[in-house]
Protein backbone atom coordinates (compact mmCIF):
# COMPACT_ATOMS: atom_id res chain seq x y z
CA UNK A 1 90.00 77.98 115.22
CA UNK A 2 87.25 78.67 112.54
CA UNK A 3 86.77 79.41 108.85
CA UNK A 4 87.69 83.26 108.25
CA UNK A 5 90.51 83.26 111.04
CA UNK A 6 93.84 84.36 110.08
CA UNK A 7 96.80 82.08 110.75
CA UNK A 8 100.73 82.19 110.15
CA UNK A 9 102.98 79.08 110.33
CA UNK A 10 106.25 78.09 111.51
CA UNK A 11 107.25 78.54 107.76
CA UNK A 12 106.31 82.34 107.83
CA UNK A 13 103.48 81.48 105.57
CA UNK A 14 100.45 83.60 106.07
CA UNK A 15 96.78 83.02 105.12
CA UNK A 16 93.07 82.78 105.66
CA UNK A 17 91.31 79.53 107.23
CA UNK A 18 88.83 78.34 105.10
CA UNK A 19 88.17 74.58 106.33
CA UNK A 20 89.18 73.13 109.82
CA UNK A 21 89.62 69.41 110.10
CA UNK A 22 90.40 67.32 113.34
CA UNK A 23 94.08 67.41 112.95
CA UNK A 24 94.51 69.64 109.91
CA UNK A 25 93.17 72.87 108.36
CA UNK A 26 92.60 74.20 104.83
CA UNK A 27 94.15 77.45 104.09
CA UNK A 28 94.54 80.31 101.23
CA UNK A 29 98.00 81.65 101.67
CA UNK A 30 98.93 84.95 100.60
CA UNK A 31 101.58 84.95 98.06
CA UNK A 32 103.13 87.55 95.55
CA UNK A 33 101.67 88.30 92.39
CA UNK A 34 104.56 88.75 90.06
CA UNK A 35 102.29 90.42 87.44
CA UNK A 36 101.46 93.44 89.92
CA UNK A 37 104.12 96.33 91.05
CA UNK A 38 107.06 93.78 90.72
CA UNK A 39 105.63 91.38 93.03
CA UNK A 40 104.87 93.68 95.82
CA UNK A 41 100.92 93.14 95.55
CA UNK A 42 99.98 90.09 97.23
CA UNK A 43 96.91 87.81 96.56
CA UNK A 44 95.21 84.77 97.61
CA UNK A 45 97.09 81.44 96.37
CA UNK A 46 94.45 80.16 93.57
CA UNK A 47 94.25 76.83 95.67
CA UNK A 48 94.07 76.26 99.21
CA UNK A 49 96.45 74.18 101.23
CA UNK A 50 96.11 71.58 103.72
CA UNK A 51 98.28 71.91 106.76
CA UNK A 52 98.85 70.47 110.34
CA UNK A 53 97.38 72.66 113.00
CA UNK A 54 100.70 72.18 114.91
CA UNK A 55 102.43 73.91 112.17
CA UNK A 56 100.37 77.16 113.39
CA UNK A 57 102.36 79.26 115.23
CA UNK A 58 99.93 82.35 115.28
CA UNK A 59 96.21 82.18 115.26
CA UNK A 60 94.11 85.71 114.79
CA UNK A 61 90.56 85.02 115.45
CA UNK A 62 88.18 87.40 113.60
CA UNK A 63 85.75 88.44 116.20
CA UNK A 64 84.44 91.52 114.37
CA UNK A 65 84.29 92.05 110.72
CA UNK A 66 84.46 95.68 111.16
CA UNK A 67 88.07 95.37 112.44
CA UNK A 68 89.16 93.28 109.51
CA UNK A 69 91.88 95.31 107.89
CA UNK A 70 93.34 95.86 111.60
CA UNK A 71 93.75 91.97 112.22
CA UNK A 72 95.54 91.78 108.77
CA UNK A 73 97.96 94.50 110.18
CA UNK A 74 98.82 92.15 112.89
CA UNK A 75 100.34 89.82 110.68
CA UNK A 76 102.07 92.25 108.76
CA UNK A 77 99.90 93.01 105.82
CA UNK A 78 97.48 95.98 104.69
CA UNK A 79 94.09 94.53 103.42
CA UNK A 80 92.73 96.68 100.74
CA UNK A 81 89.70 95.29 98.87
CA UNK A 82 89.80 91.73 100.35
CA UNK A 83 91.64 90.62 97.15
CA UNK A 84 95.03 92.41 97.24
CA UNK A 85 97.56 92.93 100.10
CA UNK A 86 100.71 94.91 100.59
CA UNK A 87 103.21 94.36 103.68
CA UNK A 88 103.07 97.03 105.91
CA UNK A 89 106.98 97.19 106.38
CA UNK A 90 106.91 98.85 102.97
CA UNK A 91 106.27 102.53 102.32
CA UNK A 92 103.97 102.88 99.75
CA UNK A 93 104.34 106.41 99.00
CA UNK A 94 108.47 105.94 98.40
CA UNK A 95 108.14 102.52 96.98
CA UNK A 96 108.77 103.34 93.26
CA UNK A 97 106.48 100.17 92.02
CA UNK A 98 103.62 100.80 94.46
CA UNK A 99 103.46 104.50 94.17
CA UNK A 100 102.30 104.22 90.74
CA UNK A 101 100.16 101.13 91.23
CA UNK A 102 96.12 101.77 90.83
CA UNK A 103 95.21 100.96 94.05
CA UNK A 104 91.42 100.79 94.78
CA UNK A 105 89.56 103.57 96.21
CA UNK A 106 87.08 103.57 99.27
CA UNK A 107 88.47 100.54 101.00
CA UNK A 108 87.80 99.42 104.38
CA UNK A 109 90.26 100.50 107.16
CA UNK A 110 90.42 100.07 110.93
CA UNK A 111 90.27 103.87 111.28
CA UNK A 112 87.82 105.96 112.65
CA UNK A 113 84.31 105.60 110.83
CA UNK A 114 83.11 108.77 109.03
CA UNK A 115 79.47 110.08 109.50
CA UNK A 116 78.01 108.03 106.63
CA UNK A 117 79.38 104.78 108.15
CA UNK A 118 77.70 105.44 111.59
CA UNK A 119 74.29 106.14 109.74
CA UNK A 120 74.61 103.26 107.30
CA UNK A 121 75.45 100.74 110.00
CA UNK A 122 72.57 99.19 111.95
CA UNK A 123 72.77 98.26 115.56
CA UNK A 124 73.29 94.87 116.12
CA UNK A 125 70.77 94.81 118.81
CA UNK A 126 68.01 95.63 116.21
CA UNK A 127 66.29 92.80 113.96
CA UNK A 128 67.11 92.72 110.40
CA UNK A 129 64.52 93.97 107.95
CA UNK A 130 64.80 94.23 104.26
CA UNK A 131 65.24 97.53 102.59
CA UNK A 132 62.23 98.69 100.59
CA UNK A 133 62.66 98.28 97.23
CA UNK A 134 62.82 101.95 95.96
CA UNK A 135 66.48 102.30 94.58
CA UNK A 136 67.96 100.48 91.89
CA UNK A 137 70.86 99.65 94.47
CA UNK A 138 68.21 97.77 96.56
CA UNK A 139 67.00 95.91 93.44
CA UNK A 140 70.49 94.77 92.60
CA UNK A 141 71.12 93.97 95.96
CA UNK A 142 67.98 91.65 96.31
CA UNK A 143 68.56 90.19 92.85
CA UNK A 144 72.13 89.23 93.83
CA UNK A 145 70.63 87.27 96.71
CA UNK A 146 68.05 85.32 94.37
CA UNK A 147 71.22 84.86 92.18
CA UNK A 148 73.07 83.13 94.81
CA UNK A 149 70.42 80.79 95.57
CA UNK A 150 70.52 79.61 92.13
CA UNK A 151 74.36 79.35 91.91
CA UNK A 152 75.79 75.94 91.43
CA UNK A 153 79.49 75.41 92.28
CA UNK A 154 81.35 74.13 89.17
CA UNK A 155 84.66 73.04 91.11
CA UNK A 156 86.17 72.38 94.43
CA UNK A 157 87.26 75.99 94.93
CA UNK A 158 83.61 77.19 94.38
CA UNK A 159 82.10 74.53 96.65
CA UNK A 160 84.40 75.80 99.30
CA UNK A 161 83.56 79.17 99.08
CA UNK A 162 79.73 78.53 98.66
CA UNK A 163 80.17 76.42 101.95
CA UNK A 164 81.83 79.13 103.90
CA UNK A 165 79.22 82.02 102.94
CA UNK A 166 76.49 79.41 103.63
CA UNK A 167 77.64 78.67 107.05
CA UNK A 168 77.89 82.59 108.09
CA UNK A 169 74.35 83.11 106.89
CA UNK A 170 73.21 80.13 108.88
CA UNK A 171 75.14 81.48 111.84
CA UNK A 172 73.83 84.98 111.63
CA UNK A 173 70.43 84.16 110.43
CA UNK A 174 69.95 81.79 113.38
CA UNK A 175 71.15 84.74 115.84
CA UNK A 176 68.56 87.22 114.13
CA UNK A 177 65.52 84.96 114.03
CA UNK A 178 65.77 84.89 117.81
CA UNK A 179 65.11 88.46 117.72
CA UNK A 180 62.28 88.31 115.24
CA UNK A 181 60.84 85.56 117.43
CA UNK A 182 60.50 87.88 120.61
CA UNK A 183 58.33 90.16 118.29
CA UNK A 184 56.44 87.41 116.96
CA UNK A 185 57.39 87.52 113.25
CA UNK A 186 59.59 86.08 111.06
CA UNK A 187 61.65 86.76 107.66
CA UNK A 188 62.74 84.60 104.89
CA UNK A 189 66.39 85.75 104.59
CA UNK A 190 66.82 84.03 101.35
CA UNK A 191 64.08 85.50 99.42
CA UNK A 192 64.10 89.23 99.62
CA UNK A 193 61.54 91.33 97.77
CA UNK A 194 62.18 92.32 94.25
CA UNK A 195 59.03 94.74 93.83
CA UNK A 196 57.73 97.55 95.97
CA UNK A 197 54.12 95.57 96.14
CA UNK A 198 55.97 92.52 97.21
CA UNK A 199 58.07 94.26 99.69
CA UNK A 200 54.29 95.48 101.40
CA UNK A 201 53.40 91.90 101.46
CA UNK A 202 56.77 90.13 102.70
CA UNK A 203 56.96 89.20 106.20
CA UNK A 204 59.53 91.22 107.19
CA UNK A 205 56.99 94.31 106.89
CA UNK A 206 54.36 92.42 109.10
CA UNK A 207 53.46 93.11 112.37
CA UNK A 208 55.16 96.63 112.29
């Protein structure tokens, strides 16, 4: 069991693991939001709960993030944008409250990817390289990384979120670094280039 996995307890509570201790786990449970569609929209509880591992009766290990929506369906929920959920046993088109709710568009599904997705997603066998700084999207994305590096959590909840992200970054950057090592180069994942000239000098563009 690890952070990011989905669990269900013997009390029929469902949530996402954010921390694993010796005999307990920390979980953000899903709860109905009474302010949305008469409580038929579910969201993460504001604070996580600590429960005994022995209370878990179902554990969904997240092995492939692309299949995230499918994992949630296994516990009876449709994940929309990572923030709101609806129960799969409720027909959205027929329910009077849900059919008029402004659900976000373009959300991930576990259905077949379209042509754009197939072109956009890089092969897992390829070593990561930074995109050239030629569009506003790339500039904003790289700036977001630099801003994140400066972020100082102000409470326990923010600290837990940052710890979760940092652990994921460490895991996947270590895996990718091995691919660069084979090629005889390296990359500074935490410092993406912010300008075209910097991009040309950046380590990820060397030894091409």
